[in-house]
């Protein structure tokens, strides 16, 4: 089985930037917890080696993982650079799968967003 190299330093940078930076016109939706929960640390746990053709599990960890009812986390993974074939990606919280289709350098960006839907 061939190994693949993935660069995730950009991921941590993007997660830290997007999670802790509210939109210019943000709204708390009337829930006092929204501001607190939307400004927390996010970390990524990834495999030591990525295998081509196999699902590689990436775990996204929140500083405050116990979210009250109405809160959800969305994960978007963008392929910024890859060999000819882009990897298959299933962006979910708390675990995301990345399946590279060929050997080579892959650069991926991850956006983690907190969503709230009041009843």
PDB file of N, CA and C in Angstrom:
ATOM      1  N   UNK A   1       0.845  -1.172   0.000  1.00  0.00           N
ATOM      2  CA  UNK A   1       0.000   0.000   0.000  1.00  0.00           C
ATOM      3  C   UNK A   1       0.892   1.237   0.000  1.00  0.00           C
ATOM      4  N   UNK A   2       0.630   2.166  -0.874  1.00  0.00           N
ATOM      5  CA  UNK A   2       1.416   3.405  -0.949  1.00  0.00           C
ATOM      6  C   UNK A   2       1.000   4.367   0.145  1.00  0.00           C
ATOM      7  N   UNK A   3       1.949   5.157   0.583  1.00  0.00           N
ATOM      8  CA  UNK A   3       1.678   6.188   1.582  1.00  0.00           C
ATOM      9  C   UNK A   3       1.485   7.514   0.866  1.00  0.00           C
ATOM     10  N   UNK A   4       0.745   8.394   1.472  1.00  0.00           N
ATOM     11  CA  UNK A   4       0.511   9.713   0.903  1.00  0.00           C
ATOM     12  C   UNK A   4       0.877  10.763   1.949  1.00  0.00           C
ATOM     13  N   UNK A   5       1.366  11.880   1.479  1.00  0.00           N
ATOM     14  CA  UNK A   5       1.734  12.966   2.373  1.00  0.00           C
ATOM     15  C   UNK A   5       0.633  14.015   2.336  1.00  0.00           C
ATOM     16  N   UNK A   6       0.181  14.426   3.497  1.00  0.00           N
ATOM     17  CA  UNK A   6      -0.830  15.483   3.575  1.00  0.00           C
ATOM     18  C   UNK A   6      -0.301  16.582   4.481  1.00  0.00           C
ATOM     19  N   UNK A   7      -0.586  17.801   4.135  1.00  0.00           N
ATOM     20  CA  UNK A   7      -0.134  18.927   4.922  1.00  0.00           C
ATOM     21  C   UNK A   7      -1.332  19.535   5.629  1.00  0.00           C
ATOM     22  N   UNK A   8      -1.290  19.526   6.975  1.00  0.00           N
ATOM     23  CA  UNK A   8      -2.407  20.019   7.748  1.00  0.00           C
ATOM     24  C   UNK A   8      -2.072  21.233   8.594  1.00  0.00           C
ATOM     25  N   UNK A   9      -0.885  21.810   8.437  1.00  0.00           N
ATOM     26  CA  UNK A   9      -0.575  23.010   9.211  1.00  0.00           C
ATOM     27  C   UNK A   9      -1.556  24.115   8.839  1.00  0.00           C
ATOM     28  N   UNK A  10      -1.968  24.151   7.591  1.00  0.00           N
ATOM     29  CA  UNK A  10      -2.938  25.141   7.140  1.00  0.00           C
ATOM     30  C   UNK A  10      -4.296  24.902   7.798  1.00  0.00           C
ATOM     31  N   UNK A  11      -4.614  23.629   8.046  1.00  0.00           N
ATOM     32  CA  UNK A  11      -5.895  23.300   8.659  1.00  0.00           C
ATOM     33  C   UNK A  11      -6.020  23.945  10.025  1.00  0.00           C
ATOM     34  N   UNK A  12      -5.008  23.744  10.870  1.00  0.00           N
ATOM     35  CA  UNK A  12      -5.077  24.283  12.221  1.00  0.00           C
ATOM     36  C   UNK A  12      -5.187  25.799  12.177  1.00  0.00           C
ATOM     37  N   UNK A  13      -4.441  26.422  11.272  1.00  0.00           N
ATOM     38  CA  UNK A  13      -4.502  27.864  11.125  1.00  0.00           C
ATOM     39  C   UNK A  13      -5.908  28.291  10.715  1.00  0.00           C
ATOM     40  N   UNK A  14      -6.485  27.613   9.714  1.00  0.00           N
ATOM     41  CA  UNK A  14      -7.813  27.992   9.234  1.00  0.00           C
ATOM     42  C   UNK A  14      -8.884  27.747  10.294  1.00  0.00           C
ATOM     43  N   UNK A  15      -8.766  26.627  11.026  1.00  0.00           N
ATOM     44  CA  UNK A  15      -9.752  26.334  12.064  1.00  0.00           C
ATOM     45  C   UNK A  15      -9.701  27.412  13.135  1.00  0.00           C
ATOM     46  N   UNK A  16      -8.498  27.721  13.603  1.00  0.00           N
ATOM     47  CA  UNK A  16      -8.359  28.721  14.654  1.00  0.00           C
ATOM     48  C   UNK A  16      -8.904  30.063  14.197  1.00  0.00           C
ATOM     49  N   UNK A  17      -8.667  30.424  12.954  1.00  0.00           N
ATOM     50  CA  UNK A  17      -9.106  31.715  12.446  1.00  0.00           C
ATOM     51  C   UNK A  17     -10.620  31.758  12.275  1.00  0.00           C
ATOM     52  N   UNK A  18     -11.184  30.743  11.626  1.00  0.00           N
ATOM     53  CA  UNK A  18     -12.611  30.793  11.317  1.00  0.00           C
ATOM     54  C   UNK A  18     -13.481  30.547  12.532  1.00  0.00           C
ATOM     55  N   UNK A  19     -13.063  29.688  13.443  1.00  0.00           N
ATOM     56  CA  UNK A  19     -13.913  29.388  14.595  1.00  0.00           C
ATOM     57  C   UNK A  19     -14.016  30.594  15.515  1.00  0.00           C
ATOM     58  N   UNK A  20     -12.909  31.246  15.789  1.00  0.00           N
ATOM     59  CA  UNK A  20     -12.918  32.337  16.752  1.00  0.00           C
ATOM     60  C   UNK A  20     -13.249  33.692  16.175  1.00  0.00           C
ATOM     61  N   UNK A  21     -13.559  33.758  14.894  1.00  0.00           N
ATOM     62  CA  UNK A  21     -13.828  35.045  14.262  1.00  0.00           C
ATOM     63  C   UNK A  21     -15.275  35.112  13.794  1.00  0.00           C
ATOM     64  N   UNK A  22     -16.133  35.798  14.522  1.00  0.00           N
ATOM     65  CA  UNK A  22     -17.530  35.891  14.092  1.00  0.00           C
ATOM     66  C   UNK A  22     -17.659  36.754  12.834  1.00  0.00           C
ATOM     67  N   UNK A  23     -18.724  36.558  12.141  1.00  0.00           N
ATOM     68  CA  UNK A  23     -19.008  37.369  10.961  1.00  0.00           C
ATOM     69  C   UNK A  23     -19.140  38.823  11.389  1.00  0.00           C
ATOM     70  N   UNK A  24     -18.880  39.771  10.483  1.00  0.00           N
ATOM     71  CA  UNK A  24     -18.965  41.189  10.853  1.00  0.00           C
ATOM     72  C   UNK A  24     -20.303  41.575  11.472  1.00  0.00           C
ATOM     73  N   UNK A  25     -21.378  40.976  11.031  1.00  0.00           N
ATOM     74  CA  UNK A  25     -22.707  41.281  11.561  1.00  0.00           C
ATOM     75  C   UNK A  25     -23.254  40.016  12.217  1.00  0.00           C
ATOM     76  N   UNK A  26     -22.649  39.582  13.326  1.00  0.00           N
ATOM     77  CA  UNK A  26     -23.095  38.349  13.968  1.00  0.00           C
ATOM     78  C   UNK A  26     -24.261  38.614  14.910  1.00  0.00           C
ATOM     79  N   UNK A  27     -24.998  37.571  15.188  1.00  0.00           N
ATOM     80  CA  UNK A  27     -26.178  37.666  16.041  1.00  0.00           C
ATOM     81  C   UNK A  27     -26.128  36.518  17.039  1.00  0.00           C
ATOM     82  N   UNK A  28     -26.433  36.764  18.276  1.00  0.00           N
ATOM     83  CA  UNK A  28     -26.390  35.721  19.306  1.00  0.00           C
ATOM     84  C   UNK A  28     -27.661  34.883  19.312  1.00  0.00           C
ATOM     85  N   UNK A  29     -28.643  35.217  18.520  1.00  0.00           N
ATOM     86  CA  UNK A  29     -29.917  34.509  18.445  1.00  0.00           C
ATOM     87  C   UNK A  29     -30.639  34.497  19.790  1.00  0.00           C
ATOM     88  N   UNK A  30     -30.277  35.417  20.668  1.00  0.00           N
ATOM     89  CA  UNK A  30     -30.931  35.474  21.963  1.00  0.00           C
ATOM     90  C   UNK A  30     -30.424  34.461  22.963  1.00  0.00           C
ATOM     91  N   UNK A  31     -29.444  33.638  22.605  1.00  0.00           N
ATOM     92  CA  UNK A  31     -28.903  32.642  23.521  1.00  0.00           C
ATOM     93  C   UNK A  31     -27.573  33.145  24.072  1.00  0.00           C
ATOM     94  N   UNK A  32     -27.491  33.383  25.373  1.00  0.00           N
ATOM     95  CA  UNK A  32     -26.249  33.920  25.954  1.00  0.00           C
ATOM     96  C   UNK A  32     -25.060  32.974  25.813  1.00  0.00           C
ATOM     97  N   UNK A  33     -25.295  31.692  25.590  1.00  0.00           N
ATOM     98  CA  UNK A  33     -24.197  30.734  25.435  1.00  0.00           C
ATOM     99  C   UNK A  33     -23.525  30.817  24.064  1.00  0.00           C
ATOM    100  N   UNK A  34     -24.218  31.386  23.072  1.00  0.00           N
ATOM    101  CA  UNK A  34     -23.676  31.383  21.718  1.00  0.00           C
ATOM    102  C   UNK A  34     -22.310  32.056  21.640  1.00  0.00           C
ATOM    103  N   UNK A  35     -22.167  33.215  22.244  1.00  0.00           N
ATOM    104  CA  UNK A  35     -20.894  33.933  22.193  1.00  0.00           C
ATOM    105  C   UNK A  35     -19.781  33.111  22.838  1.00  0.00           C
ATOM    106  N   UNK A  36     -20.064  32.517  23.977  1.00  0.00           N
ATOM    107  CA  UNK A  36     -19.060  31.697  24.673  1.00  0.00           C
ATOM    108  C   UNK A  36     -18.682  30.456  23.862  1.00  0.00           C
ATOM    109  N   UNK A  37     -19.669  29.752  23.348  1.00  0.00           N
ATOM    110  CA  UNK A  37     -19.407  28.514  22.615  1.00  0.00           C
ATOM    111  C   UNK A  37     -18.769  28.758  21.250  1.00  0.00           C
ATOM    112  N   UNK A  38     -19.016  29.915  20.667  1.00  0.00           N
ATOM    113  CA  UNK A  38     -18.454  30.191  19.341  1.00  0.00           C
ATOM    114  C   UNK A  38     -17.017  30.685  19.400  1.00  0.00           C
ATOM    115  N   UNK A  39     -16.483  30.884  20.593  1.00  0.00           N
ATOM    116  CA  UNK A  39     -15.088  31.309  20.764  1.00  0.00           C
ATOM    117  C   UNK A  39     -14.355  30.295  21.631  1.00  0.00           C
ATOM    118  N   UNK A  40     -14.087  29.143  21.066  1.00  0.00           N
ATOM    119  CA  UNK A  40     -13.365  28.110  21.791  1.00  0.00           C
ATOM    120  C   UNK A  40     -12.279  27.512  20.910  1.00  0.00           C
ATOM    121  N   UNK A  41     -11.328  26.837  21.539  1.00  0.00           N
ATOM    122  CA  UNK A  41     -10.218  26.238  20.798  1.00  0.00           C
ATOM    123  C   UNK A  41     -10.677  24.969  20.094  1.00  0.00           C
ATOM    124  N   UNK A  42     -10.157  24.779  18.887  1.00  0.00           N
ATOM    125  CA  UNK A  42     -10.436  23.590  18.090  1.00  0.00           C
ATOM    126  C   UNK A  42      -9.096  22.969  17.731  1.00  0.00           C
ATOM    127  N   UNK A  43      -8.993  21.646  17.882  1.00  0.00           N
ATOM    128  CA  UNK A  43      -7.758  20.964  17.494  1.00  0.00           C
ATOM    129  C   UNK A  43      -8.085  19.809  16.564  1.00  0.00           C
ATOM    130  N   UNK A  44      -7.067  19.381  15.828  1.00  0.00           N
ATOM    131  CA  UNK A  44      -7.231  18.301  14.850  1.00  0.00           C
ATOM    132  C   UNK A  44      -6.266  17.176  15.192  1.00  0.00           C
ATOM    133  N   UNK A  45      -6.780  15.964  15.249  1.00  0.00           N
ATOM    134  CA  UNK A  45      -5.953  14.774  15.458  1.00  0.00           C
ATOM    135  C   UNK A  45      -5.985  13.987  14.150  1.00  0.00           C
ATOM    136  N   UNK A  46      -4.826  13.817  13.549  1.00  0.00           N
ATOM    137  CA  UNK A  46      -4.772  13.151  12.246  1.00  0.00           C
ATOM    138  C   UNK A  46      -3.862  11.937  12.297  1.00  0.00           C
ATOM    139  N   UNK A  47      -3.983  11.031  11.316  1.00  0.00           N
ATOM    140  CA  UNK A  47      -3.122   9.849  11.291  1.00  0.00           C
ATOM    141  C   UNK A  47      -1.660  10.232  11.044  1.00  0.00           C
ATOM    142  N   UNK A  48      -0.748   9.390  11.518  1.00  0.00           N
ATOM    143  CA  UNK A  48       0.673   9.632  11.268  1.00  0.00           C
ATOM    144  C   UNK A  48       0.978   9.493   9.785  1.00  0.00           C
ATOM    145  N   UNK A  49       0.343   8.540   9.143  1.00  0.00           N
ATOM    146  CA  UNK A  49       0.522   8.310   7.705  1.00  0.00           C
ATOM    147  C   UNK A  49      -0.842   8.154   7.053  1.00  0.00           C
ATOM    148  N   UNK A  50      -0.988   8.742   5.899  1.00  0.00           N
ATOM    149  CA  UNK A  50      -2.215   8.599   5.124  1.00  0.00           C
ATOM    150  C   UNK A  50      -1.976   7.522   4.075  1.00  0.00           C
ATOM    151  N   UNK A  51      -2.930   6.598   3.949  1.00  0.00           N
ATOM    152  CA  UNK A  51      -2.799   5.515   2.997  1.00  0.00           C
ATOM    153  C   UNK A  51      -3.677   5.768   1.780  1.00  0.00           C
ATOM    154  N   UNK A  52      -3.119   5.571   0.594  1.00  0.00           N
ATOM    155  CA  UNK A  52      -3.853   5.753  -0.657  1.00  0.00           C
ATOM    156  C   UNK A  52      -4.920   4.674  -0.775  1.00  0.00           C
ATOM    157  N   UNK A  53      -6.127   5.081  -1.149  1.00  0.00           N
ATOM    158  CA  UNK A  53      -7.228   4.138  -1.352  1.00  0.00           C
ATOM    159  C   UNK A  53      -7.915   3.690  -0.076  1.00  0.00           C
ATOM    160  N   UNK A  54      -7.477   4.181   1.066  1.00  0.00           N
ATOM    161  CA  UNK A  54      -8.070   3.822   2.354  1.00  0.00           C
ATOM    162  C   UNK A  54      -8.670   5.061   3.004  1.00  0.00           C
ATOM    163  N   UNK A  55      -9.741   4.864   3.789  1.00  0.00           N
ATOM    164  CA  UNK A  55     -10.307   5.975   4.551  1.00  0.00           C
ATOM    165  C   UNK A  55      -9.384   6.281   5.722  1.00  0.00           C
ATOM    166  N   UNK A  56      -8.896   7.495   5.772  1.00  0.00           N
ATOM    167  CA  UNK A  56      -8.033   7.958   6.851  1.00  0.00           C
ATOM    168  C   UNK A  56      -8.866   8.858   7.745  1.00  0.00           C
ATOM    169  N   UNK A  57      -8.904   8.546   9.039  1.00  0.00           N
ATOM    170  CA  UNK A  57      -9.769   9.236   9.979  1.00  0.00           C
ATOM    171  C   UNK A  57      -9.067  10.441  10.594  1.00  0.00           C
ATOM    172  N   UNK A  58      -9.723  11.595  10.520  1.00  0.00           N
ATOM    173  CA  UNK A  58      -9.252  12.829  11.136  1.00  0.00           C
ATOM    174  C   UNK A  58     -10.296  13.218  12.183  1.00  0.00           C
ATOM    175  N   UNK A  59      -9.835  13.408  13.423  1.00  0.00           N
ATOM    176  CA  UNK A  59     -10.734  13.731  14.531  1.00  0.00           C
ATOM    177  C   UNK A  59     -10.649  15.219  14.837  1.00  0.00           C
ATOM    178  N   UNK A  60     -11.795  15.862  14.948  1.00  0.00           N
ATOM    179  CA  UNK A  60     -11.873  17.285  15.286  1.00  0.00           C
ATOM    180  C   UNK A  60     -12.354  17.379  16.728  1.00  0.00           C
ATOM    181  N   UNK A  61     -11.550  18.054  17.556  1.00  0.00           N
ATOM    182  CA  UNK A  61     -11.864  18.155  18.983  1.00  0.00           C
ATOM    183  C   UNK A  61     -12.154  19.599  19.365  1.00  0.00           C
ATOM    184  N   UNK A  62     -13.244  19.786  20.074  1.00  0.00           N
ATOM    185  CA  UNK A  62     -13.608  21.101  20.593  1.00  0.00           C
ATOM    186  C   UNK A  62     -13.157  21.213  22.046  1.00  0.00           C
ATOM    187  N   UNK A  63     -12.797  22.411  22.440  1.00  0.00           N
ATOM    188  CA  UNK A  63     -12.436  22.666  23.835  1.00  0.00           C
ATOM    189  C   UNK A  63     -13.649  22.393  24.747  1.00  0.00           C
ATOM    190  N   UNK A  64     -14.842  22.756  24.264  1.00  0.00           N
ATOM    191  CA  UNK A  64     -16.091  22.540  25.015  1.00  0.00           C
ATOM    192  C   UNK A  64     -17.019  21.683  24.144  1.00  0.00           C
ATOM    193  N   UNK A  65     -16.802  20.353  24.153  1.00  0.00           N
ATOM    194  CA  UNK A  65     -17.538  19.491  23.226  1.00  0.00           C
ATOM    195  C   UNK A  65     -19.003  19.235  23.574  1.00  0.00           C
ATOM    196  N   UNK A  66     -19.402  19.491  24.807  1.00  0.00           N
ATOM    197  CA  UNK A  66     -20.788  19.241  25.209  1.00  0.00           C
ATOM    198  C   UNK A  66     -21.646  20.446  24.835  1.00  0.00           C
ATOM    199  N   UNK A  67     -22.303  20.333  23.703  1.00  0.00           N
ATOM    200  CA  UNK A  67     -23.119  21.438  23.207  1.00  0.00           C
ATOM    201  C   UNK A  67     -24.576  21.240  23.615  1.00  0.00           C
ATOM    202  N   UNK A  68     -25.244  22.306  24.034  1.00  0.00           N
ATOM    203  CA  UNK A  68     -26.657  22.205  24.406  1.00  0.00           C
ATOM    204  C   UNK A  68     -27.541  21.924  23.188  1.00  0.00           C
ATOM    205  N   UNK A  69     -28.761  21.586  23.450  1.00  0.00           N
ATOM    206  CA  UNK A  69     -29.740  21.329  22.397  1.00  0.00           C
ATOM    207  C   UNK A  69     -29.848  22.539  21.472  1.00  0.00           C
ATOM    208  N   UNK A  70     -29.922  22.279  20.183  1.00  0.00           N
ATOM    209  CA  UNK A  70     -30.047  23.342  19.191  1.00  0.00           C
ATOM    210  C   UNK A  70     -28.726  23.713  18.540  1.00  0.00           C
ATOM    211  N   UNK A  71     -27.599  23.274  19.117  1.00  0.00           N
ATOM    212  CA  UNK A  71     -26.282  23.583  18.557  1.00  0.00           C
ATOM    213  C   UNK A  71     -25.771  22.418  17.726  1.00  0.00           C
ATOM    214  N   UNK A  72     -25.133  22.741  16.605  1.00  0.00           N
ATOM    215  CA  UNK A  72     -24.535  21.732  15.722  1.00  0.00           C
ATOM    216  C   UNK A  72     -23.191  22.256  15.229  1.00  0.00           C
ATOM    217  N   UNK A  73     -22.339  21.348  14.813  1.00  0.00           N
ATOM    218  CA  UNK A  73     -21.042  21.703  14.256  1.00  0.00           C
ATOM    219  C   UNK A  73     -21.000  21.216  12.821  1.00  0.00           C
ATOM    220  N   UNK A  74     -20.591  22.095  11.914  1.00  0.00           N
ATOM    221  CA  UNK A  74     -20.424  21.693  10.516  1.00  0.00           C
ATOM    222  C   UNK A  74     -18.943  21.755  10.168  1.00  0.00           C
ATOM    223  N   UNK A  75     -18.529  20.842   9.288  1.00  0.00           N
ATOM    224  CA  UNK A  75     -17.134  20.749   8.866  1.00  0.00           C
ATOM    225  C   UNK A  75     -17.096  20.762   7.341  1.00  0.00           C
ATOM    226  N   UNK A  76     -16.300  21.679   6.788  1.00  0.00           N
ATOM    227  CA  UNK A  76     -16.104  21.763   5.343  1.00  0.00           C
ATOM    228  C   UNK A  76     -14.623  21.571   5.057  1.00  0.00           C
ATOM    229  N   UNK A  77     -14.301  20.668   4.139  1.00  0.00           N
ATOM    230  CA  UNK A  77     -12.906  20.409   3.773  1.00  0.00           C
ATOM    231  C   UNK A  77     -12.720  20.812   2.320  1.00  0.00           C
ATOM    232  N   UNK A  78     -11.767  21.711   2.082  1.00  0.00           N
ATOM    233  CA  UNK A  78     -11.454  22.173   0.733  1.00  0.00           C
ATOM    234  C   UNK A  78     -10.111  21.587   0.312  1.00  0.00           C
ATOM    235  N   UNK A  79     -10.041  21.069  -0.915  1.00  0.00           N
ATOM    236  CA  UNK A  79      -8.774  20.589  -1.461  1.00  0.00           C
ATOM    237  C   UNK A  79      -8.103  21.771  -2.131  1.00  0.00           C
ATOM    238  N   UNK A  80      -7.006  22.240  -1.536  1.00  0.00           N
ATOM    239  CA  UNK A  80      -6.293  23.400  -2.057  1.00  0.00           C
ATOM    240  C   UNK A  80      -5.224  23.000  -3.062  1.00  0.00           C
ATOM    241  N   UNK A  81      -4.634  21.817  -2.869  1.00  0.00           N
ATOM    242  CA  UNK A  81      -3.625  21.308  -3.793  1.00  0.00           C
ATOM    243  C   UNK A  81      -3.614  19.797  -3.694  1.00  0.00           C
ATOM    244  N   UNK A  82      -3.547  19.142  -4.839  1.00  0.00           N
ATOM    245  CA  UNK A  82      -3.470  17.681  -4.856  1.00  0.00           C
ATOM    246  C   UNK A  82      -2.889  17.248  -6.193  1.00  0.00           C
ATOM    247  N   UNK A  83      -2.490  15.972  -6.293  1.00  0.00           N
ATOM    248  CA  UNK A  83      -2.093  15.450  -7.609  1.00  0.00           C
ATOM    249  C   UNK A  83      -3.305  15.512  -8.557  1.00  0.00           C
ATOM    250  N   UNK A  84      -3.234  14.876  -9.659  1.00  0.00           N
ATOM    251  CA  UNK A  84      -4.314  14.960 -10.657  1.00  0.00           C
ATOM    252  C   UNK A  84      -5.692  14.642 -10.086  1.00  0.00           C
ATOM    253  N   UNK A  85      -5.793  13.632  -9.246  1.00  0.00           N
ATOM    254  CA  UNK A  85      -7.087  13.234  -8.678  1.00  0.00           C
ATOM    255  C   UNK A  85      -7.226  13.769  -7.263  1.00  0.00           C
ATOM    256  N   UNK A  86      -8.318  14.477  -7.017  1.00  0.00           N
ATOM    257  CA  UNK A  86      -8.583  14.990  -5.670  1.00  0.00           C
ATOM    258  C   UNK A  86      -9.019  13.840  -4.764  1.00  0.00           C
ATOM    259  N   UNK A  87      -8.722  13.940  -3.466  1.00  0.00           N
ATOM    260  CA  UNK A  87      -9.155  12.890  -2.538  1.00  0.00           C
ATOM    261  C   UNK A  87     -10.664  12.951  -2.297  1.00  0.00           C
ATOM    262  N   UNK A  88     -11.220  11.813  -1.906  1.00  0.00           N
ATOM    263  CA  UNK A  88     -12.617  11.779  -1.466  1.00  0.00           C
ATOM    264  C   UNK A  88     -12.641  12.237  -0.016  1.00  0.00           C
ATOM    265  N   UNK A  89     -13.542  13.139   0.303  1.00  0.00           N
ATOM    266  CA  UNK A  89     -13.603  13.701   1.651  1.00  0.00           C
ATOM    267  C   UNK A  89     -15.043  13.670   2.144  1.00  0.00           C
ATOM    268  N   UNK A  90     -15.207  13.211   3.374  1.00  0.00           N
ATOM    269  CA  UNK A  90     -16.502  13.254   4.050  1.00  0.00           C
ATOM    270  C   UNK A  90     -16.307  14.084   5.307  1.00  0.00           C
ATOM    271  N   UNK A  91     -16.687  15.351   5.252  1.00  0.00           N
ATOM    272  CA  UNK A  91     -16.478  16.264   6.374  1.00  0.00           C
ATOM    273  C   UNK A  91     -17.598  16.180   7.389  1.00  0.00           C
ATOM    274  N   UNK A  92     -17.354  15.537   8.496  1.00  0.00           N
ATOM    275  CA  UNK A  92     -18.340  15.397   9.564  1.00  0.00           C
ATOM    276  C   UNK A  92     -17.682  15.719  10.891  1.00  0.00           C
ATOM    277  N   UNK A  93     -18.483  16.078  11.863  1.00  0.00           N
ATOM    278  CA  UNK A  93     -17.996  16.272  13.220  1.00  0.00           C
ATOM    279  C   UNK A  93     -18.515  15.124  14.074  1.00  0.00           C
ATOM    280  N   UNK A  94     -17.705  14.504  14.894  1.00  0.00           N
ATOM    281  CA  UNK A  94     -16.331  14.820  15.252  1.00  0.00           C
ATOM    282  C   UNK A  94     -15.284  14.113  14.399  1.00  0.00           C
ATOM    283  N   UNK A  95     -15.702  13.251  13.481  1.00  0.00           N
ATOM    284  CA  UNK A  95     -14.691  12.567  12.665  1.00  0.00           C
ATOM    285  C   UNK A  95     -14.947  12.789  11.176  1.00  0.00           C
ATOM    286  N   UNK A  96     -13.883  13.078  10.468  1.00  0.00           N
ATOM    287  CA  UNK A  96     -13.902  13.314   9.034  1.00  0.00           C
ATOM    288  C   UNK A  96     -13.034  12.247   8.378  1.00  0.00           C
ATOM    289  N   UNK A  97     -13.442  11.758   7.212  1.00  0.00           N
ATOM    290  CA  UNK A  97     -12.614  10.783   6.513  1.00  0.00           C
ATOM    291  C   UNK A  97     -12.038  11.396   5.239  1.00  0.00           C
ATOM    292  N   UNK A  98     -10.771  11.074   4.986  1.00  0.00           N
ATOM    293  CA  UNK A  98     -10.073  11.539   3.791  1.00  0.00           C
ATOM    294  C   UNK A  98      -9.491  10.314   3.114  1.00  0.00           C
ATOM    295  N   UNK A  99      -9.870  10.101   1.853  1.00  0.00           N
ATOM    296  CA  UNK A  99      -9.390   8.959   1.085  1.00  0.00           C
ATOM    297  C   UNK A  99      -8.627   9.457  -0.128  1.00  0.00           C
ATOM    298  N   UNK A 100      -7.291   9.514  -0.045  1.00  0.00           N
ATOM    299  CA  UNK A 100      -6.504   9.937  -1.208  1.00  0.00           C
ATOM    300  C   UNK A 100      -6.612   8.905  -2.327  1.00  0.00           C
ATOM    301  N   UNK A 101      -6.716   9.363  -3.565  1.00  0.00           N
ATOM    302  CA  UNK A 101      -6.825   8.461  -4.710  1.00  0.00           C
ATOM    303  C   UNK A 101      -5.472   8.140  -5.328  1.00  0.00           C
ATOM    304  N   UNK A 102      -4.479   8.992  -5.054  1.00  0.00           N
ATOM    305  CA  UNK A 102      -3.132   8.726  -5.566  1.00  0.00           C
ATOM    306  C   UNK A 102      -2.076   9.332  -4.658  1.00  0.00           C
ATOM    307  N   UNK A 103      -0.871   8.820  -4.792  1.00  0.00           N
ATOM    308  CA  UNK A 103       0.252   9.266  -3.991  1.00  0.00           C
ATOM    309  C   UNK A 103       0.650  10.678  -4.397  1.00  0.00           C
ATOM    310  N   UNK A 104       1.139  11.453  -3.455  1.00  0.00           N
ATOM    311  CA  UNK A 104       1.599  12.800  -3.752  1.00  0.00           C
ATOM    312  C   UNK A 104       1.282  13.748  -2.622  1.00  0.00           C
ATOM    313  N   UNK A 105       1.550  15.016  -2.870  1.00  0.00           N
ATOM    314  CA  UNK A 105       1.340  16.053  -1.865  1.00  0.00           C
ATOM    315  C   UNK A 105      -0.092  16.570  -1.947  1.00  0.00           C
ATOM    316  N   UNK A 106      -0.774  16.568  -0.816  1.00  0.00           N
ATOM    317  CA  UNK A 106      -2.142  17.074  -0.709  1.00  0.00           C
ATOM    318  C   UNK A 106      -2.159  18.198   0.319  1.00  0.00           C
ATOM    319  N   UNK A 107      -2.775  19.311  -0.017  1.00  0.00           N
ATOM    320  CA  UNK A 107      -2.949  20.419   0.923  1.00  0.00           C
ATOM    321  C   UNK A 107      -4.452  20.643   1.048  1.00  0.00           C
ATOM    322  N   UNK A 108      -4.947  20.517   2.277  1.00  0.00           N
ATOM    323  CA  UNK A 108      -6.375  20.637   2.521  1.00  0.00           C
ATOM    324  C   UNK A 108      -6.640  21.743   3.534  1.00  0.00           C
ATOM    325  N   UNK A 109      -7.746  22.417   3.371  1.00  0.00           N
ATOM    326  CA  UNK A 109      -8.173  23.436   4.320  1.00  0.00           C
ATOM    327  C   UNK A 109      -9.473  22.987   4.960  1.00  0.00           C
ATOM    328  N   UNK A 110      -9.614  23.213   6.245  1.00  0.00           N
ATOM    329  CA  UNK A 110     -10.809  22.792   6.970  1.00  0.00           C
ATOM    330  C   UNK A 110     -11.461  24.002   7.625  1.00  0.00           C
ATOM    331  N   UNK A 111     -12.768  24.098   7.471  1.00  0.00           N
ATOM    332  CA  UNK A 111     -13.545  25.132   8.152  1.00  0.00           C
ATOM    333  C   UNK A 111     -14.507  24.439   9.110  1.00  0.00           C
ATOM    334  N   UNK A 112     -14.466  24.862  10.358  1.00  0.00           N
ATOM    335  CA  UNK A 112     -15.355  24.303  11.382  1.00  0.00           C
ATOM    336  C   UNK A 112     -16.252  25.441  11.850  1.00  0.00           C
ATOM    337  N   UNK A 113     -17.550  25.228  11.755  1.00  0.00           N
ATOM    338  CA  UNK A 113     -18.515  26.273  12.108  1.00  0.00           C
ATOM    339  C   UNK A 113     -19.487  25.788  13.156  1.00  0.00           C
ATOM    340  N   UNK A 114     -19.847  26.682  14.084  1.00  0.00           N
ATOM    341  CA  UNK A 114     -20.878  26.405  15.060  1.00  0.00           C
ATOM    342  C   UNK A 114     -22.195  26.932  14.509  1.00  0.00           C
ATOM    343  N   UNK A 115     -23.223  26.114  14.579  1.00  0.00           N
ATOM    344  CA  UNK A 115     -24.542  26.522  14.111  1.00  0.00           C
ATOM    345  C   UNK A 115     -25.532  26.377  15.270  1.00  0.00           C
ATOM    346  N   UNK A 116     -26.510  27.255  15.302  1.00  0.00           N
ATOM    347  CA  UNK A 116     -27.522  27.217  16.335  1.00  0.00           C
ATOM    348  C   UNK A 116     -28.887  27.377  15.705  1.00  0.00           C
ATOM    349  N   UNK A 117     -29.805  26.536  16.117  1.00  0.00           N
ATOM    350  CA  UNK A 117     -31.190  26.632  15.651  1.00  0.00           C
ATOM    351  C   UNK A 117     -32.078  26.564  16.872  1.00  0.00           C
ATOM    352  N   UNK A 118     -32.629  27.701  17.228  1.00  0.00           N
ATOM    353  CA  UNK A 118     -33.543  27.751  18.355  1.00  0.00           C
ATOM    354  C   UNK A 118     -34.893  27.152  17.966  1.00  0.00           C
ATOM    355  N   UNK A 119     -35.642  26.731  18.949  1.00  0.00           N
ATOM    356  CA  UNK A 119     -36.946  26.114  18.635  1.00  0.00           C
ATOM    357  C   UNK A 119     -38.030  27.140  18.472  1.00  0.00           C
TER     358      UNK A 119
END
